[in-house]
Amino acid sequence: MKQYGQTLNLKDDPAIIERYIEHHRRVWPEVERGLRSIGIERMIIWRLGRRLFMFMETVDTFDPERDFARYMESDPRIREWQSLMETFQEPVPDAQRGEWWATMQQVYSL
């Protein structure tokens, strides 16, 4: 099993933040089905203010670059969901150039 931690910000607008939360109370089935199909076994997103932290556990063969591209191509509803979510989000200041969800470095594990 592989584990990933990633972060990004929601736009600084309480109405946008609430809409993002509402969408995640009812994630589209195509999205969840697509994530499972590429080897994501667990995904959790936490929020503090406008900062999001996403934790993922995946199969050992998961490759983010290859498998997220496959995920995006698997269903038009997934592309629609991703486009919608991007209207609520923005990269964190420390993100690498072109990086949306910034990959975090694990510094401790118990």
PDB file of N, CA and C in Angstrom:
ATOM      1  N   MET A   1       0.845  -1.171   0.000  1.00  0.00           N
ATOM      2  CA  MET A   1       0.000   0.000   0.000  1.00  0.00           C
ATOM      3  C   MET A   1       0.896   1.242   0.000  1.00  0.00           C
ATOM      4  N   LYS A   2       0.490   2.237  -0.800  1.00  0.00           N
ATOM      5  CA  LYS A   2       1.158   3.530  -0.830  1.00  0.00           C
ATOM      6  C   LYS A   2       0.257   4.558  -0.153  1.00  0.00           C
ATOM      7  N   GLN A   3       0.879   5.593   0.399  1.00  0.00           N
ATOM      8  CA  GLN A   3       0.122   6.668   1.039  1.00  0.00           C
ATOM      9  C   GLN A   3       0.588   8.005   0.484  1.00  0.00           C
ATOM     10  N   TYR A   4      -0.363   8.924   0.348  1.00  0.00           N
ATOM     11  CA  TYR A   4      -0.073  10.254  -0.183  1.00  0.00           C
ATOM     12  C   TYR A   4      -0.784  11.297   0.657  1.00  0.00           C
ATOM     13  N   GLY A   5      -0.133  12.428   0.852  1.00  0.00           N
ATOM     14  CA  GLY A   5      -0.740  13.596   1.462  1.00  0.00           C
ATOM     15  C   GLY A   5      -0.594  14.759   0.494  1.00  0.00           C
ATOM     16  N   GLN A   6      -1.690  15.452   0.233  1.00  0.00           N
ATOM     17  CA  GLN A   6      -1.668  16.584  -0.685  1.00  0.00           C
ATOM     18  C   GLN A   6      -2.498  17.715  -0.103  1.00  0.00           C
ATOM     19  N   THR A   7      -2.214  18.937  -0.547  1.00  0.00           N
ATOM     20  CA  THR A   7      -2.933  20.085  -0.018  1.00  0.00           C
ATOM     21  C   THR A   7      -3.226  21.100  -1.113  1.00  0.00           C
ATOM     22  N   LEU A   8      -4.280  21.851  -0.922  1.00  0.00           N
ATOM     23  CA  LEU A   8      -4.584  23.029  -1.730  1.00  0.00           C
ATOM     24  C   LEU A   8      -5.513  23.923  -0.932  1.00  0.00           C
ATOM     25  N   ASN A   9      -5.796  25.083  -1.464  1.00  0.00           N
ATOM     26  CA  ASN A   9      -6.694  26.031  -0.798  1.00  0.00           C
ATOM     27  C   ASN A   9      -8.011  26.123  -1.540  1.00  0.00           C
ATOM     28  N   LEU A  10      -9.058  26.376  -0.776  1.00  0.00           N
ATOM     29  CA  LEU A  10     -10.315  26.810  -1.371  1.00  0.00           C
ATOM     30  C   LEU A  10     -10.223  28.324  -1.550  1.00  0.00           C
ATOM     31  N   LYS A  11     -10.971  28.851  -2.491  1.00  0.00           N
ATOM     32  CA  LYS A  11     -10.988  30.300  -2.678  1.00  0.00           C
ATOM     33  C   LYS A  11     -11.518  30.956  -1.405  1.00  0.00           C
ATOM     34  N   ASP A  12     -11.047  32.157  -1.146  1.00  0.00           N
ATOM     35  CA  ASP A  12     -11.340  32.846   0.108  1.00  0.00           C
ATOM     36  C   ASP A  12     -12.709  33.525   0.059  1.00  0.00           C
ATOM     37  N   ASP A  13     -13.746  32.692   0.107  1.00  0.00           N
ATOM     38  CA  ASP A  13     -15.126  33.167   0.034  1.00  0.00           C
ATOM     39  C   ASP A  13     -15.994  32.147   0.771  1.00  0.00           C
ATOM     40  N   PRO A  14     -16.628  32.533   1.877  1.00  0.00           N
ATOM     41  CA  PRO A  14     -17.429  31.582   2.657  1.00  0.00           C
ATOM     42  C   PRO A  14     -18.507  30.862   1.844  1.00  0.00           C
ATOM     43  N   ALA A  15     -19.119  31.523   0.884  1.00  0.00           N
ATOM     44  CA  ALA A  15     -20.160  30.874   0.064  1.00  0.00           C
ATOM     45  C   ALA A  15     -19.546  29.784  -0.814  1.00  0.00           C
ATOM     46  N   ILE A  16     -18.375  30.041  -1.370  1.00  0.00           N
ATOM     47  CA  ILE A  16     -17.685  29.044  -2.201  1.00  0.00           C
ATOM     48  C   ILE A  16     -17.288  27.845  -1.348  1.00  0.00           C
ATOM     49  N   ILE A  17     -16.755  28.114  -0.158  1.00  0.00           N
ATOM     50  CA  ILE A  17     -16.349  27.028   0.736  1.00  0.00           C
ATOM     51  C   ILE A  17     -17.548  26.152   1.089  1.00  0.00           C
ATOM     52  N   GLU A  18     -18.680  26.767   1.398  1.00  0.00           N
ATOM     53  CA  GLU A  18     -19.876  25.994   1.747  1.00  0.00           C
ATOM     54  C   GLU A  18     -20.371  25.170   0.559  1.00  0.00           C
ATOM     55  N   ARG A  19     -20.324  25.729  -0.634  1.00  0.00           N
ATOM     56  CA  ARG A  19     -20.738  24.967  -1.825  1.00  0.00           C
ATOM     57  C   ARG A  19     -19.825  23.766  -2.053  1.00  0.00           C
ATOM     58  N   TYR A  20     -18.525  23.943  -1.848  1.00  0.00           N
ATOM     59  CA  TYR A  20     -17.571  22.836  -1.989  1.00  0.00           C
ATOM     60  C   TYR A  20     -17.921  21.710  -0.999  1.00  0.00           C
ATOM     61  N   ILE A  21     -18.175  22.090   0.250  1.00  0.00           N
ATOM     62  CA  ILE A  21     -18.534  21.105   1.270  1.00  0.00           C
ATOM     63  C   ILE A  21     -19.826  20.392   0.886  1.00  0.00           C
ATOM     64  N   GLU A  22     -20.817  21.133   0.428  1.00  0.00           N
ATOM     65  CA  GLU A  22     -22.092  20.526   0.017  1.00  0.00           C
ATOM     66  C   GLU A  22     -21.897  19.511  -1.106  1.00  0.00           C
ATOM     67  N   HIS A  23     -21.087  19.840  -2.085  1.00  0.00           N
ATOM     68  CA  HIS A  23     -20.821  18.884  -3.178  1.00  0.00           C
ATOM     69  C   HIS A  23     -20.197  17.604  -2.632  1.00  0.00           C
ATOM     70  N   HIS A  24     -19.344  17.718  -1.637  1.00  0.00           N
ATOM     71  CA  HIS A  24     -18.680  16.535  -1.100  1.00  0.00           C
ATOM     72  C   HIS A  24     -19.564  15.726  -0.148  1.00  0.00           C
ATOM     73  N   ARG A  25     -20.694  16.259   0.203  1.00  0.00           N
ATOM     74  CA  ARG A  25     -21.666  15.460   0.951  1.00  0.00           C
ATOM     75  C   ARG A  25     -22.399  14.497   0.019  1.00  0.00           C
ATOM     76  N   ARG A  26     -22.351  14.810  -1.285  1.00  0.00           N
ATOM     77  CA  ARG A  26     -23.041  13.999  -2.293  1.00  0.00           C
ATOM     78  C   ARG A  26     -22.129  13.828  -3.515  1.00  0.00           C
ATOM     79  N   VAL A  27     -20.993  13.206  -3.319  1.00  0.00           N
ATOM     80  CA  VAL A  27     -20.055  13.001  -4.435  1.00  0.00           C
ATOM     81  C   VAL A  27     -20.720  12.121  -5.485  1.00  0.00           C
ATOM     82  N   TRP A  28     -20.540  12.487  -6.730  1.00  0.00           N
ATOM     83  CA  TRP A  28     -21.156  11.735  -7.823  1.00  0.00           C
ATOM     84  C   TRP A  28     -20.617  10.305  -7.850  1.00  0.00           C
ATOM     85  N   PRO A  29     -21.490   9.325  -8.080  1.00  0.00           N
ATOM     86  CA  PRO A  29     -21.052   7.922  -8.072  1.00  0.00           C
ATOM     87  C   PRO A  29     -19.967   7.626  -9.110  1.00  0.00           C
ATOM     88  N   GLU A  30     -20.000   8.311 -10.242  1.00  0.00           N
ATOM     89  CA  GLU A  30     -18.984   8.086 -11.275  1.00  0.00           C
ATOM     90  C   GLU A  30     -17.593   8.457 -10.753  1.00  0.00           C
ATOM     91  N   VAL A  31     -17.533   9.473  -9.915  1.00  0.00           N
ATOM     92  CA  VAL A  31     -16.258   9.927  -9.349  1.00  0.00           C
ATOM     93  C   VAL A  31     -15.707   8.862  -8.403  1.00  0.00           C
ATOM     94  N   GLU A  32     -16.528   8.400  -7.485  1.00  0.00           N
ATOM     95  CA  GLU A  32     -16.058   7.389  -6.540  1.00  0.00           C
ATOM     96  C   GLU A  32     -15.710   6.085  -7.244  1.00  0.00           C
ATOM     97  N   ARG A  33     -16.513   5.696  -8.199  1.00  0.00           N
ATOM     98  CA  ARG A  33     -16.233   4.483  -8.969  1.00  0.00           C
ATOM     99  C   ARG A  33     -14.906   4.628  -9.723  1.00  0.00           C
ATOM    100  N   GLY A  34     -14.689   5.802 -10.328  1.00  0.00           N
ATOM    101  CA  GLY A  34     -13.460   6.050 -11.074  1.00  0.00           C
ATOM    102  C   GLY A  34     -12.228   6.039 -10.194  1.00  0.00           C
ATOM    103  N   LEU A  35     -12.317   6.620  -9.005  1.00  0.00           N
ATOM    104  CA  LEU A  35     -11.176   6.623  -8.082  1.00  0.00           C
ATOM    105  C   LEU A  35     -10.816   5.205  -7.659  1.00  0.00           C
ATOM    106  N   ARG A  36     -11.823   4.424  -7.348  1.00  0.00           N
ATOM    107  CA  ARG A  36     -11.557   3.024  -6.969  1.00  0.00           C
ATOM    108  C   ARG A  36     -10.958   2.249  -8.134  1.00  0.00           C
ATOM    109  N   SER A  37     -11.386   2.539  -9.345  1.00  0.00           N
ATOM    110  CA  SER A  37     -10.925   1.774 -10.512  1.00  0.00           C
ATOM    111  C   SER A  37      -9.445   1.993 -10.815  1.00  0.00           C
ATOM    112  N   ILE A  38      -8.878   3.104 -10.348  1.00  0.00           N
ATOM    113  CA  ILE A  38      -7.453   3.343 -10.611  1.00  0.00           C
ATOM    114  C   ILE A  38      -6.571   2.941  -9.432  1.00  0.00           C
ATOM    115  N   GLY A  39      -7.157   2.355  -8.393  1.00  0.00           N
ATOM    116  CA  GLY A  39      -6.361   1.821  -7.300  1.00  0.00           C
ATOM    117  C   GLY A  39      -6.347   2.645  -6.030  1.00  0.00           C
ATOM    118  N   ILE A  40      -7.226   3.635  -5.926  1.00  0.00           N
ATOM    119  CA  ILE A  40      -7.322   4.395  -4.679  1.00  0.00           C
ATOM    120  C   ILE A  40      -8.272   3.630  -3.757  1.00  0.00           C
ATOM    121  N   GLU A  41      -7.728   3.163  -2.655  1.00  0.00           N
ATOM    122  CA  GLU A  41      -8.514   2.365  -1.724  1.00  0.00           C
ATOM    123  C   GLU A  41      -9.160   3.209  -0.637  1.00  0.00           C
ATOM    124  N   ARG A  42      -8.557   4.342  -0.338  1.00  0.00           N
ATOM    125  CA  ARG A  42      -9.092   5.221   0.700  1.00  0.00           C
ATOM    126  C   ARG A  42      -8.689   6.654   0.378  1.00  0.00           C
ATOM    127  N   MET A  43      -9.636   7.574   0.495  1.00  0.00           N
ATOM    128  CA  MET A  43      -9.356   8.991   0.296  1.00  0.00           C
ATOM    129  C   MET A  43     -10.144   9.763   1.351  1.00  0.00           C
ATOM    130  N   ILE A  44      -9.437  10.623   2.069  1.00  0.00           N
ATOM    131  CA  ILE A  44     -10.050  11.446   3.108  1.00  0.00           C
ATOM    132  C   ILE A  44      -9.587  12.879   2.876  1.00  0.00           C
ATOM    133  N   ILE A  45     -10.518  13.817   2.961  1.00  0.00           N
ATOM    134  CA  ILE A  45     -10.166  15.229   2.835  1.00  0.00           C
ATOM    135  C   ILE A  45     -10.593  15.945   4.113  1.00  0.00           C
ATOM    136  N   TRP A  46      -9.637  16.662   4.724  1.00  0.00           N
ATOM    137  CA  TRP A  46      -9.914  17.500   5.892  1.00  0.00           C
ATOM    138  C   TRP A  46      -9.817  18.957   5.484  1.00  0.00           C
ATOM    139  N   ARG A  47     -10.471  19.828   6.264  1.00  0.00           N
ATOM    140  CA  ARG A  47     -10.442  21.270   6.007  1.00  0.00           C
ATOM    141  C   ARG A  47     -10.155  22.027   7.291  1.00  0.00           C
ATOM    142  N   LEU A  48      -9.337  23.044   7.184  1.00  0.00           N
ATOM    143  CA  LEU A  48      -9.122  24.019   8.248  1.00  0.00           C
ATOM    144  C   LEU A  48      -9.174  25.381   7.588  1.00  0.00           C
ATOM    145  N   GLY A  49     -10.219  26.157   7.900  1.00  0.00           N
ATOM    146  CA  GLY A  49     -10.390  27.424   7.198  1.00  0.00           C
ATOM    147  C   GLY A  49     -10.597  27.143   5.725  1.00  0.00           C
ATOM    148  N   ARG A  50      -9.701  27.641   4.907  1.00  0.00           N
ATOM    149  CA  ARG A  50      -9.808  27.375   3.471  1.00  0.00           C
ATOM    150  C   ARG A  50      -8.766  26.382   2.978  1.00  0.00           C
ATOM    151  N   ARG A  51      -7.928  25.866   3.881  1.00  0.00           N
ATOM    152  CA  ARG A  51      -6.907  24.880   3.522  1.00  0.00           C
ATOM    153  C   ARG A  51      -7.489  23.478   3.552  1.00  0.00           C
ATOM    154  N   LEU A  52      -7.255  22.711   2.480  1.00  0.00           N
ATOM    155  CA  LEU A  52      -7.655  21.308   2.418  1.00  0.00           C
ATOM    156  C   LEU A  52      -6.414  20.428   2.519  1.00  0.00           C
ATOM    157  N   PHE A  53      -6.570  19.302   3.189  1.00  0.00           N
ATOM    158  CA  PHE A  53      -5.542  18.273   3.240  1.00  0.00           C
ATOM    159  C   PHE A  53      -6.190  16.969   2.806  1.00  0.00           C
ATOM    160  N   MET A  54      -5.618  16.323   1.795  1.00  0.00           N
ATOM    161  CA  MET A  54      -6.154  15.066   1.292  1.00  0.00           C
ATOM    162  C   MET A  54      -5.163  13.948   1.587  1.00  0.00           C
ATOM    163  N   PHE A  55      -5.667  12.868   2.185  1.00  0.00           N
ATOM    164  CA  PHE A  55      -4.880  11.674   2.464  1.00  0.00           C
ATOM    165  C   PHE A  55      -5.422  10.550   1.603  1.00  0.00           C
ATOM    166  N   MET A  56      -4.517   9.847   0.916  1.00  0.00           N
ATOM    167  CA  MET A  56      -4.929   8.722   0.066  1.00  0.00           C
ATOM    168  C   MET A  56      -4.091   7.496   0.394  1.00  0.00           C
ATOM    169  N   GLU A  57      -4.743   6.345   0.370  1.00  0.00           N
ATOM    170  CA  GLU A  57      -4.057   5.059   0.395  1.00  0.00           C
ATOM    171  C   GLU A  57      -4.386   4.367  -0.911  1.00  0.00           C
ATOM    172  N   THR A  58      -3.356   3.830  -1.550  1.00  0.00           N
ATOM    173  CA  THR A  58      -3.535   3.233  -2.872  1.00  0.00           C
ATOM    174  C   THR A  58      -2.875   1.853  -2.936  1.00  0.00           C
ATOM    175  N   VAL A  59      -3.183   1.146  -4.001  1.00  0.00           N
ATOM    176  CA  VAL A  59      -2.494  -0.114  -4.264  1.00  0.00           C
ATOM    177  C   VAL A  59      -1.024   0.187  -4.558  1.00  0.00           C
ATOM    178  N   ASP A  60      -0.182  -0.824  -4.407  1.00  0.00           N
ATOM    179  CA  ASP A  60       1.260  -0.640  -4.605  1.00  0.00           C
ATOM    180  C   ASP A  60       1.621  -0.223  -6.021  1.00  0.00           C
ATOM    181  N   THR A  61       0.822  -0.612  -6.989  1.00  0.00           N
ATOM    182  CA  THR A  61       1.147  -0.299  -8.387  1.00  0.00           C
ATOM    183  C   THR A  61       0.666   1.079  -8.826  1.00  0.00           C
ATOM    184  N   PHE A  62       0.018   1.823  -7.929  1.00  0.00           N
ATOM    185  CA  PHE A  62      -0.519   3.139  -8.270  1.00  0.00           C
ATOM    186  C   PHE A  62       0.607   4.100  -8.645  1.00  0.00           C
ATOM    187  N   ASP A  63       0.414   4.796  -9.761  1.00  0.00           N
ATOM    188  CA  ASP A  63       1.336   5.838 -10.215  1.00  0.00           C
ATOM    189  C   ASP A  63       0.490   7.087 -10.456  1.00  0.00           C
ATOM    190  N   PRO A  64       0.657   8.148  -9.651  1.00  0.00           N
ATOM    191  CA  PRO A  64      -0.239   9.308  -9.761  1.00  0.00           C
ATOM    192  C   PRO A  64      -0.318   9.898 -11.165  1.00  0.00           C
ATOM    193  N   GLU A  65       0.798  10.075 -11.807  1.00  0.00           N
ATOM    194  CA  GLU A  65       0.786  10.700 -13.137  1.00  0.00           C
ATOM    195  C   GLU A  65       0.016   9.842 -14.140  1.00  0.00           C
ATOM    196  N   ARG A  66       0.317   8.567 -14.183  1.00  0.00           N
ATOM    197  CA  ARG A  66      -0.345   7.656 -15.123  1.00  0.00           C
ATOM    198  C   ARG A  66      -1.815   7.444 -14.758  1.00  0.00           C
ATOM    199  N   ASP A  67      -2.080   7.172 -13.482  1.00  0.00           N
ATOM    200  CA  ASP A  67      -3.417   6.739 -13.100  1.00  0.00           C
ATOM    201  C   ASP A  67      -4.424   7.879 -13.001  1.00  0.00           C
ATOM    202  N   PHE A  68      -4.002   9.072 -12.613  1.00  0.00           N
ATOM    203  CA  PHE A  68      -4.951  10.191 -12.625  1.00  0.00           C
ATOM    204  C   PHE A  68      -5.311  10.582 -14.059  1.00  0.00           C
ATOM    205  N   ALA A  69      -4.370  10.448 -14.986  1.00  0.00           N
ATOM    206  CA  ALA A  69      -4.689  10.702 -16.399  1.00  0.00           C
ATOM    207  C   ALA A  69      -5.721   9.675 -16.883  1.00  0.00           C
ATOM    208  N   ARG A  70      -5.539   8.430 -16.501  1.00  0.00           N
ATOM    209  CA  ARG A  70      -6.489   7.368 -16.861  1.00  0.00           C
ATOM    210  C   ARG A  70      -7.865   7.646 -16.255  1.00  0.00           C
ATOM    211  N   TYR A  71      -7.882   8.091 -15.021  1.00  0.00           N
ATOM    212  CA  TYR A  71      -9.117   8.443 -14.315  1.00  0.00           C
ATOM    213  C   TYR A  71      -9.871   9.545 -15.069  1.00  0.00           C
ATOM    214  N   MET A  72      -9.157  10.582 -15.471  1.00  0.00           N
ATOM    215  CA  MET A  72      -9.787  11.717 -16.156  1.00  0.00           C
ATOM    216  C   MET A  72     -10.393  11.303 -17.499  1.00  0.00           C
ATOM    217  N   GLU A  73      -9.796  10.336 -18.147  1.00  0.00           N
ATOM    218  CA  GLU A  73     -10.283   9.889 -19.458  1.00  0.00           C
ATOM    219  C   GLU A  73     -11.381   8.832 -19.365  1.00  0.00           C
ATOM    220  N   SER A  74     -11.627   8.321 -18.170  1.00  0.00           N
ATOM    221  CA  SER A  74     -12.523   7.165 -18.049  1.00  0.00           C
ATOM    222  C   SER A  74     -14.008   7.497 -18.159  1.00  0.00           C
ATOM    223  N   ASP A  75     -14.392   8.763 -17.917  1.00  0.00           N
ATOM    224  CA  ASP A  75     -15.819   9.084 -17.905  1.00  0.00           C
ATOM    225  C   ASP A  75     -15.988  10.604 -18.038  1.00  0.00           C
ATOM    226  N   PRO A  76     -16.849  11.071 -18.939  1.00  0.00           N
ATOM    227  CA  PRO A  76     -17.075  12.516 -19.074  1.00  0.00           C
ATOM    228  C   PRO A  76     -17.575  13.171 -17.786  1.00  0.00           C
ATOM    229  N   ARG A  77     -18.305  12.432 -16.964  1.00  0.00           N
ATOM    230  CA  ARG A  77     -18.804  12.988 -15.697  1.00  0.00           C
ATOM    231  C   ARG A  77     -17.639  13.296 -14.746  1.00  0.00           C
ATOM    232  N   ILE A  78     -16.574  12.515 -14.818  1.00  0.00           N
ATOM    233  CA  ILE A  78     -15.403  12.775 -13.982  1.00  0.00           C
ATOM    234  C   ILE A  78     -14.761  14.089 -14.404  1.00  0.00           C
ATOM    235  N   ARG A  79     -14.613  14.317 -15.693  1.00  0.00           N
ATOM    236  CA  ARG A  79     -14.050  15.589 -16.173  1.00  0.00           C
ATOM    237  C   ARG A  79     -14.956  16.757 -15.757  1.00  0.00           C
ATOM    238  N   GLU A  80     -16.261  16.544 -15.817  1.00  0.00           N
ATOM    239  CA  GLU A  80     -17.208  17.584 -15.399  1.00  0.00           C
ATOM    240  C   GLU A  80     -17.039  17.894 -13.901  1.00  0.00           C
ATOM    241  N   TRP A  81     -16.916  16.849 -13.079  1.00  0.00           N
ATOM    242  CA  TRP A  81     -16.713  17.023 -11.639  1.00  0.00           C
ATOM    243  C   TRP A  81     -15.411  17.784 -11.384  1.00  0.00           C
ATOM    244  N   GLN A  82     -14.333  17.363 -12.038  1.00  0.00           N
ATOM    245  CA  GLN A  82     -13.031  18.009 -11.807  1.00  0.00           C
ATOM    246  C   GLN A  82     -13.088  19.487 -12.203  1.00  0.00           C
ATOM    247  N   SER A  83     -13.719  19.793 -13.303  1.00  0.00           N
ATOM    248  CA  SER A  83     -13.843  21.189 -13.731  1.00  0.00           C
ATOM    249  C   SER A  83     -14.647  21.996 -12.721  1.00  0.00           C
ATOM    250  N   LEU A  84     -15.717  21.404 -12.214  1.00  0.00           N
ATOM    251  CA  LEU A  84     -16.530  22.072 -11.200  1.00  0.00           C
ATOM    252  C   LEU A  84     -15.711  22.319  -9.932  1.00  0.00           C
ATOM    253  N   MET A  85     -14.975  21.297  -9.468  1.00  0.00           N
ATOM    254  CA  MET A  85     -14.201  21.447  -8.233  1.00  0.00           C
ATOM    255  C   MET A  85     -13.127  22.527  -8.378  1.00  0.00           C
ATOM    256  N   GLU A  86     -12.541  22.637  -9.547  1.00  0.00           N
ATOM    257  CA  GLU A  86     -11.496  23.641  -9.764  1.00  0.00           C
ATOM    258  C   GLU A  86     -12.033  25.066  -9.661  1.00  0.00           C
ATOM    259  N   THR A  87     -13.336  25.258  -9.826  1.00  0.00           N
ATOM    260  CA  THR A  87     -13.898  26.604  -9.665  1.00  0.00           C
ATOM    261  C   THR A  87     -13.889  27.043  -8.197  1.00  0.00           C
ATOM    262  N   PHE A  88     -13.741  26.095  -7.278  1.00  0.00           N
ATOM    263  CA  PHE A  88     -13.715  26.389  -5.845  1.00  0.00           C
ATOM    264  C   PHE A  88     -12.294  26.471  -5.287  1.00  0.00           C
ATOM    265  N   GLN A  89     -11.315  25.976  -6.039  1.00  0.00           N
ATOM    266  CA  GLN A  89      -9.979  25.727  -5.517  1.00  0.00           C
ATOM    267  C   GLN A  89      -8.925  26.647  -6.112  1.00  0.00           C
ATOM    268  N   GLU A  90      -7.769  26.700  -5.416  1.00  0.00           N
ATOM    269  CA  GLU A  90      -6.577  27.348  -5.940  1.00  0.00           C
ATOM    270  C   GLU A  90      -5.359  26.702  -5.293  1.00  0.00           C
ATOM    271  N   PRO A  91      -4.257  26.637  -6.018  1.00  0.00           N
ATOM    272  CA  PRO A  91      -3.054  26.014  -5.446  1.00  0.00           C
ATOM    273  C   PRO A  91      -2.545  26.795  -4.237  1.00  0.00           C
ATOM    274  N   VAL A  92      -1.855  26.101  -3.350  1.00  0.00           N
ATOM    275  CA  VAL A  92      -1.207  26.769  -2.219  1.00  0.00           C
ATOM    276  C   VAL A  92       0.026  27.501  -2.718  1.00  0.00           C
ATOM    277  N   PRO A  93       0.474  28.526  -2.004  1.00  0.00           N
ATOM    278  CA  PRO A  93       1.652  29.274  -2.447  1.00  0.00           C
ATOM    279  C   PRO A  93       2.906  28.411  -2.635  1.00  0.00           C
ATOM    280  N   ASP A  94       3.041  27.327  -1.868  1.00  0.00           N
ATOM    281  CA  ASP A  94       4.233  26.479  -1.957  1.00  0.00           C
ATOM    282  C   ASP A  94       4.146  25.409  -3.043  1.00  0.00           C
ATOM    283  N   ALA A  95       3.069  25.373  -3.806  1.00  0.00           N
ATOM    284  CA  ALA A  95       2.936  24.374  -4.873  1.00  0.00           C
ATOM    285  C   ALA A  95       4.007  24.590  -5.936  1.00  0.00           C
ATOM    286  N   GLN A  96       4.437  23.490  -6.534  1.00  0.00           N
ATOM    287  CA  GLN A  96       5.370  23.568  -7.651  1.00  0.00           C
ATOM    288  C   GLN A  96       4.649  24.150  -8.863  1.00  0.00           C
ATOM    289  N   ARG A  97       5.393  24.704  -9.779  1.00  0.00           N
ATOM    290  CA  ARG A  97       4.807  25.272 -10.992  1.00  0.00           C
ATOM    291  C   ARG A  97       3.967  24.204 -11.717  1.00  0.00           C
ATOM    292  N   GLY A  98       2.711  24.535 -12.011  1.00  0.00           N
ATOM    293  CA  GLY A  98       1.808  23.609 -12.691  1.00  0.00           C
ATOM    294  C   GLY A  98       1.153  22.584 -11.787  1.00  0.00           C
ATOM    295  N   GLU A  99       1.458  22.601 -10.508  1.00  0.00           N
ATOM    296  CA  GLU A  99       0.898  21.629  -9.563  1.00  0.00           C
ATOM    297  C   GLU A  99      -0.389  22.192  -8.964  1.00  0.00           C
ATOM    298  N   TRP A 100      -1.458  21.404  -8.961  1.00  0.00           N
ATOM    299  CA  TRP A 100      -2.732  21.840  -8.390  1.00  0.00           C
ATOM    300  C   TRP A 100      -2.792  21.391  -6.940  1.00  0.00           C
ATOM    301  N   TRP A 101      -3.036  20.104  -6.713  1.00  0.00           N
ATOM    302  CA  TRP A 101      -2.924  19.552  -5.360  1.00  0.00           C
ATOM    303  C   TRP A 101      -1.429  19.369  -5.106  1.00  0.00           C
ATOM    304  N   ALA A 102      -0.866  20.130  -4.169  1.00  0.00           N
ATOM    305  CA  ALA A 102       0.571  20.066  -3.892  1.00  0.00           C
ATOM    306  C   ALA A 102       0.885  18.818  -3.064  1.00  0.00           C
ATOM    307  N   THR A 103       1.870  18.068  -3.520  1.00  0.00           N
ATOM    308  CA  THR A 103       2.296  16.873  -2.810  1.00  0.00           C
ATOM    309  C   THR A 103       3.075  17.264  -1.562  1.00  0.00           C
ATOM    310  N   MET A 104       2.703  16.659  -0.448  1.00  0.00           N
ATOM    311  CA  MET A 104       3.348  16.951   0.829  1.00  0.00           C
ATOM    312  C   MET A 104       4.372  15.861   1.137  1.00  0.00           C
ATOM    313  N   GLN A 105       5.379  16.232   1.915  1.00  0.00           N
ATOM    314  CA  GLN A 105       6.418  15.310   2.326  1.00  0.00           C
ATOM    315  C   GLN A 105       6.062  14.779   3.715  1.00  0.00           C
ATOM    316  N   GLN A 106       6.046  13.448   3.841  1.00  0.00           N
ATOM    317  CA  GLN A 106       5.791  12.859   5.153  1.00  0.00           C
ATOM    318  C   GLN A 106       7.028  13.079   6.023  1.00  0.00           C
ATOM    319  N   VAL A 107       6.822  13.561   7.248  1.00  0.00           N
ATOM    320  CA  VAL A 107       7.955  13.794   8.146  1.00  0.00           C
ATOM    321  C   VAL A 107       7.905  12.924   9.396  1.00  0.00           C
ATOM    322  N   TYR A 108       6.796  12.225   9.627  1.00  0.00           N
ATOM    323  CA  TYR A 108       6.706  11.380  10.811  1.00  0.00           C
ATOM    324  C   TYR A 108       5.588  10.362  10.635  1.00  0.00           C
ATOM    325  N   SER A 109       5.799   9.182  11.191  1.00  0.00           N
ATOM    326  CA  SER A 109       4.765   8.145  11.220  1.00  0.00           C
ATOM    327  C   SER A 109       4.934   7.322  12.479  1.00  0.00           C
ATOM    328  N   LEU A 110       3.859   7.074  13.213  1.00  0.00           N
ATOM    329  CA  LEU A 110       3.902   6.264  14.434  1.00  0.00           C
ATOM    330  C   LEU A 110       3.430   4.866  14.073  1.00  0.00           C
TER     331      LEU A 110
END
